Amino acid sequence: MAHFKSIFLLSFFLVFFNLNGNAQTDYVSTANDINLMSPDEEPPYRYAEKSAEPIGGYENMMKFIKENIQNPISKKSLKINGSVIVEFVIEKDGSISNVKILYGLRPDLDAEAIRVISMMPNWKPAEHQGKLVRQFYQIPVRFTIE
């Protein structure tokens, strides 16, 4: 558990501060994030002046997830309670891409979270300095299986 806490704290630090110690407000700066781009694209933003939003609001998004999530567990005696943290990019056209797990529970639950997030309807894209931009987004997908 101590190892997880140190990785979490290091990740937290890297997300909010670049190597010079300045607050990171625009583009991402990690090699993994840069690999998400084609040569003619800008990298996704972590923060934009106007963040991306699900069309119909967050309640609609949560309703979509709840209605579409399926229980991949076959053993009824297994109890699982927890969240899978999913990160994805909202493209300039509002589509979802680059869905990945930041914190998972089990491979079958992680795969189910990726499946549902990947099929979400388009969002209203982010805007920065008057133009549409790509933006990272993270959400928890909660599993309660009793």
C-alpha atoms as a PDB file:
ATOM      1  CA  MET A   1       0.000   0.000   0.000  1.00  0.00           C
ATOM      2  CA  ALA A   2       2.872   2.380   0.722  1.00  0.00           C
ATOM      3  CA  HIS A   3       4.150   1.828  -2.823  1.00  0.00           C
ATOM      4  CA  PHE A   4       0.725   2.775  -4.239  1.00  0.00           C
ATOM      5  CA  LYS A   5       0.634   5.955  -2.107  1.00  0.00           C
ATOM      6  CA  SER A   6       4.059   7.044  -3.380  1.00  0.00           C
ATOM      7  CA  ILE A   7       3.046   6.407  -6.997  1.00  0.00           C
ATOM      8  CA  PHE A   8      -0.213   8.303  -6.438  1.00  0.00           C
ATOM      9  CA  LEU A   9       1.574  11.280  -4.859  1.00  0.00           C
ATOM     10  CA  LEU A  10       4.193  11.332  -7.629  1.00  0.00           C
ATOM     11  CA  SER A  11       1.451  11.165 -10.287  1.00  0.00           C
ATOM     12  CA  PHE A  12      -0.465  13.940  -8.537  1.00  0.00           C
ATOM     13  CA  PHE A  13       2.658  16.106  -8.474  1.00  0.00           C
ATOM     14  CA  LEU A  14       3.458  15.464 -12.145  1.00  0.00           C
ATOM     15  CA  VAL A  15      -0.071  16.283 -13.271  1.00  0.00           C
ATOM     16  CA  PHE A  16      -0.187  19.649 -11.531  1.00  0.00           C
ATOM     17  CA  PHE A  17       3.416  20.809 -11.783  1.00  0.00           C
ATOM     18  CA  ASN A  18       5.946  20.612 -14.555  1.00  0.00           C
ATOM     19  CA  LEU A  19       9.646  20.016 -13.898  1.00  0.00           C
ATOM     20  CA  ASN A  20      10.341  23.736 -13.384  1.00  0.00           C
ATOM     21  CA  GLY A  21       7.850  23.885 -10.534  1.00  0.00           C
ATOM     22  CA  ASN A  22       5.409  26.128 -12.393  1.00  0.00           C
ATOM     23  CA  ALA A  23       1.722  25.328 -12.446  1.00  0.00           C
ATOM     24  CA  GLN A  24       0.748  23.523 -15.626  1.00  0.00           C
ATOM     25  CA  THR A  25      -2.245  25.206 -17.204  1.00  0.00           C
ATOM     26  CA  ASP A  26      -2.274  24.285 -20.887  1.00  0.00           C
ATOM     27  CA  TYR A  27      -0.699  21.454 -22.776  1.00  0.00           C
ATOM     28  CA  VAL A  28       0.291  18.128 -21.311  1.00  0.00           C
ATOM     29  CA  SER A  29       3.967  17.416 -20.980  1.00  0.00           C
ATOM     30  CA  THR A  30       4.468  13.707 -20.511  1.00  0.00           C
ATOM     31  CA  ALA A  31       5.799  11.406 -23.223  1.00  0.00           C
ATOM     32  CA  ASN A  32       2.764   9.103 -22.900  1.00  0.00           C
ATOM     33  CA  ASP A  33       0.387  11.984 -23.549  1.00  0.00           C
ATOM     34  CA  ILE A  34       2.372  13.239 -26.539  1.00  0.00           C
ATOM     35  CA  ASN A  35       2.028   9.772 -28.121  1.00  0.00           C
ATOM     36  CA  LEU A  36      -1.729  10.401 -28.334  1.00  0.00           C
ATOM     37  CA  MET A  37      -1.200  12.855 -31.175  1.00  0.00           C
ATOM     38  CA  SER A  38      -0.733  12.547 -34.875  1.00  0.00           C
ATOM     39  CA  PRO A  39       2.066  14.801 -36.247  1.00  0.00           C
ATOM     40  CA  ASP A  40      -0.366  17.543 -37.346  1.00  0.00           C
ATOM     41  CA  GLU A  41      -2.372  17.661 -34.080  1.00  0.00           C
ATOM     42  CA  GLU A  42      -2.017  19.677 -30.924  1.00  0.00           C
ATOM     43  CA  PRO A  43      -1.706  17.675 -27.710  1.00  0.00           C
ATOM     44  CA  PRO A  44      -4.806  17.410 -25.525  1.00  0.00           C
ATOM     45  CA  TYR A  45      -5.247  20.027 -22.824  1.00  0.00           C
ATOM     46  CA  ARG A  46      -5.564  19.112 -19.160  1.00  0.00           C
ATOM     47  CA  TYR A  47      -7.292  22.426 -18.479  1.00  0.00           C
ATOM     48  CA  ALA A  48      -9.053  24.700 -20.948  1.00  0.00           C
ATOM     49  CA  GLU A  49     -10.799  28.018 -20.500  1.00  0.00           C
ATOM     50  CA  LYS A  50     -14.101  26.277 -21.207  1.00  0.00           C
ATOM     51  CA  SER A  51     -14.028  22.565 -20.369  1.00  0.00           C
ATOM     52  CA  ALA A  52     -15.741  19.895 -22.415  1.00  0.00           C
ATOM     53  CA  GLU A  53     -19.216  18.912 -21.213  1.00  0.00           C
ATOM     54  CA  PRO A  54     -21.491  15.976 -21.889  1.00  0.00           C
ATOM     55  CA  ILE A  55     -24.434  16.989 -24.065  1.00  0.00           C
ATOM     56  CA  GLY A  56     -27.483  16.868 -21.813  1.00  0.00           C
ATOM     57  CA  GLY A  57     -25.398  17.425 -18.679  1.00  0.00           C
ATOM     58  CA  TYR A  58     -23.580  15.254 -16.170  1.00  0.00           C
ATOM     59  CA  GLU A  59     -26.767  13.642 -14.871  1.00  0.00           C
ATOM     60  CA  ASN A  60     -27.505  12.410 -18.394  1.00  0.00           C
ATOM     61  CA  MET A  61     -23.963  11.053 -18.686  1.00  0.00           C
ATOM     62  CA  MET A  62     -24.284   9.151 -15.398  1.00  0.00           C
ATOM     63  CA  LYS A  63     -27.684   7.812 -16.495  1.00  0.00           C
ATOM     64  CA  PHE A  64     -26.118   6.572 -19.758  1.00  0.00           C
ATOM     65  CA  ILE A  65     -23.329   4.796 -17.874  1.00  0.00           C
ATOM     66  CA  LYS A  66     -25.752   3.237 -15.384  1.00  0.00           C
ATOM     67  CA  GLU A  67     -28.073   1.994 -18.140  1.00  0.00           C
ATOM     68  CA  ASN A  68     -25.282   0.535 -20.275  1.00  0.00           C
ATOM     69  CA  ILE A  69     -22.923  -0.994 -17.705  1.00  0.00           C
ATOM     70  CA  GLN A  70     -23.145  -4.778 -17.548  1.00  0.00           C
ATOM     71  CA  ASN A  71     -22.075  -7.095 -14.773  1.00  0.00           C
ATOM     72  CA  PRO A  72     -19.178  -9.174 -16.143  1.00  0.00           C
ATOM     73  CA  ILE A  73     -18.901 -11.223 -12.939  1.00  0.00           C
ATOM     74  CA  SER A  74     -20.089 -14.804 -13.263  1.00  0.00           C
ATOM     75  CA  LYS A  75     -19.684 -15.844  -9.631  1.00  0.00           C
ATOM     76  CA  LYS A  76     -22.619 -14.565  -7.591  1.00  0.00           C
ATOM     77  CA  SER A  77     -20.757 -15.110  -4.307  1.00  0.00           C
ATOM     78  CA  LEU A  78     -18.050 -12.586  -5.225  1.00  0.00           C
ATOM     79  CA  LYS A  79     -18.526  -9.172  -3.626  1.00  0.00           C
ATOM     80  CA  ILE A  80     -16.885  -6.162  -5.269  1.00  0.00           C
ATOM     81  CA  ASN A  81     -17.356  -2.529  -4.368  1.00  0.00           C
ATOM     82  CA  GLY A  82     -15.164   0.125  -5.865  1.00  0.00           C
ATOM     83  CA  SER A  83     -14.481   2.475  -8.731  1.00  0.00           C
ATOM     84  CA  VAL A  84     -12.474   2.188 -11.895  1.00  0.00           C
ATOM     85  CA  ILE A  85     -10.924   5.543 -12.832  1.00  0.00           C
ATOM     86  CA  VAL A  86     -11.091   6.042 -16.591  1.00  0.00           C
ATOM     87  CA  GLU A  87      -9.263   8.710 -18.585  1.00  0.00           C
ATOM     88  CA  PHE A  88     -10.114   9.650 -22.152  1.00  0.00           C
ATOM     89  CA  VAL A  89      -9.717  12.456 -24.663  1.00  0.00           C
ATOM     90  CA  ILE A  90     -12.625  14.517 -25.913  1.00  0.00           C
ATOM     91  CA  GLU A  91     -11.760  15.432 -29.480  1.00  0.00           C
ATOM     92  CA  LYS A  92     -12.507  18.733 -31.225  1.00  0.00           C
ATOM     93  CA  ASP A  93     -15.615  17.158 -32.774  1.00  0.00           C
ATOM     94  CA  GLY A  94     -16.832  15.968 -29.333  1.00  0.00           C
ATOM     95  CA  SER A  95     -16.053  12.294 -29.932  1.00  0.00           C
ATOM     96  CA  ILE A  96     -14.313  10.151 -27.304  1.00  0.00           C
ATOM     97  CA  SER A  97     -10.898   8.621 -27.978  1.00  0.00           C
ATOM     98  CA  ASN A  98      -7.872   7.147 -26.204  1.00  0.00           C
ATOM     99  CA  VAL A  99      -9.881   5.535 -23.397  1.00  0.00           C
ATOM    100  CA  LYS A 100      -7.622   4.011 -20.748  1.00  0.00           C
ATOM    101  CA  ILE A 101      -7.736   2.876 -17.143  1.00  0.00           C
ATOM    102  CA  LEU A 102      -5.849   4.967 -14.592  1.00  0.00           C
ATOM    103  CA  TYR A 103      -6.907   2.870 -11.605  1.00  0.00           C
ATOM    104  CA  GLY A 104      -8.530  -0.499 -12.084  1.00  0.00           C
ATOM    105  CA  LEU A 105     -10.200  -3.148  -9.949  1.00  0.00           C
ATOM    106  CA  ARG A 106     -10.079  -6.314 -12.054  1.00  0.00           C
ATOM    107  CA  PRO A 107      -9.399  -6.903 -15.764  1.00  0.00           C
ATOM    108  CA  ASP A 108     -13.051  -7.779 -16.513  1.00  0.00           C
ATOM    109  CA  LEU A 109     -14.379  -4.675 -14.724  1.00  0.00           C
ATOM    110  CA  ASP A 110     -11.720  -2.484 -16.324  1.00  0.00           C
ATOM    111  CA  ALA A 111     -12.696  -3.782 -19.785  1.00  0.00           C
ATOM    112  CA  GLU A 112     -16.378  -3.120 -19.071  1.00  0.00           C
ATOM    113  CA  ALA A 113     -15.639   0.466 -17.996  1.00  0.00           C
ATOM    114  CA  ILE A 114     -13.628   1.038 -21.202  1.00  0.00           C
ATOM    115  CA  ARG A 115     -16.461  -0.453 -23.299  1.00  0.00           C
ATOM    116  CA  VAL A 116     -19.130   1.811 -21.807  1.00  0.00           C
ATOM    117  CA  ILE A 117     -17.044   4.997 -21.900  1.00  0.00           C
ATOM    118  CA  SER A 118     -16.040   4.280 -25.519  1.00  0.00           C
ATOM    119  CA  MET A 119     -19.682   4.136 -26.596  1.00  0.00           C
ATOM    120  CA  MET A 120     -20.747   7.378 -24.868  1.00  0.00           C
ATOM    121  CA  PRO A 121     -22.438   9.938 -27.123  1.00  0.00           C
ATOM    122  CA  ASN A 122     -20.421  12.935 -28.309  1.00  0.00           C
ATOM    123  CA  TRP A 123     -19.698  15.771 -25.908  1.00  0.00           C
ATOM    124  CA  LYS A 124     -19.600  19.524 -26.365  1.00  0.00           C
ATOM    125  CA  PRO A 125     -15.848  20.033 -26.986  1.00  0.00           C
ATOM    126  CA  ALA A 126     -13.530  22.213 -24.923  1.00  0.00           C
ATOM    127  CA  GLU A 127     -12.565  25.731 -25.980  1.00  0.00           C
ATOM    128  CA  HIS A 128      -9.352  27.589 -25.301  1.00  0.00           C
ATOM    129  CA  GLN A 129      -8.539  31.098 -26.533  1.00  0.00           C
ATOM    130  CA  GLY A 130     -11.555  31.060 -28.820  1.00  0.00           C
ATOM    131  CA  LYS A 131     -10.852  27.772 -30.608  1.00  0.00           C
ATOM    132  CA  LEU A 132     -11.953  24.178 -30.132  1.00  0.00           C
ATOM    133  CA  VAL A 133      -9.313  21.992 -28.490  1.00  0.00           C
ATOM    134  CA  ARG A 134      -8.822  18.386 -27.463  1.00  0.00           C
ATOM    135  CA  GLN A 135      -9.118  17.800 -23.711  1.00  0.00           C
ATOM    136  CA  PHE A 136      -8.377  15.009 -21.257  1.00  0.00           C
ATOM    137  CA  TYR A 137     -11.185  13.964 -18.966  1.00  0.00           C
ATOM    138  CA  GLN A 138     -11.301  11.528 -16.054  1.00  0.00           C
ATOM    139  CA  ILE A 139     -14.321   9.923 -14.438  1.00  0.00           C
ATOM    140  CA  PRO A 140     -14.911   7.137 -11.938  1.00  0.00           C
ATOM    141  CA  VAL A 141     -17.080   4.203 -12.991  1.00  0.00           C
ATOM    142  CA  ARG A 142     -18.518   2.702  -9.817  1.00  0.00           C
ATOM    143  CA  PHE A 143     -19.143  -1.016  -9.465  1.00  0.00           C
ATOM    144  CA  THR A 144     -21.245  -2.366  -6.618  1.00  0.00           C
ATOM    145  CA  ILE A 145     -21.707  -6.092  -6.947  1.00  0.00           C
ATOM    146  CA  GLU A 146     -23.200  -8.005  -4.041  1.00  0.00           C
END
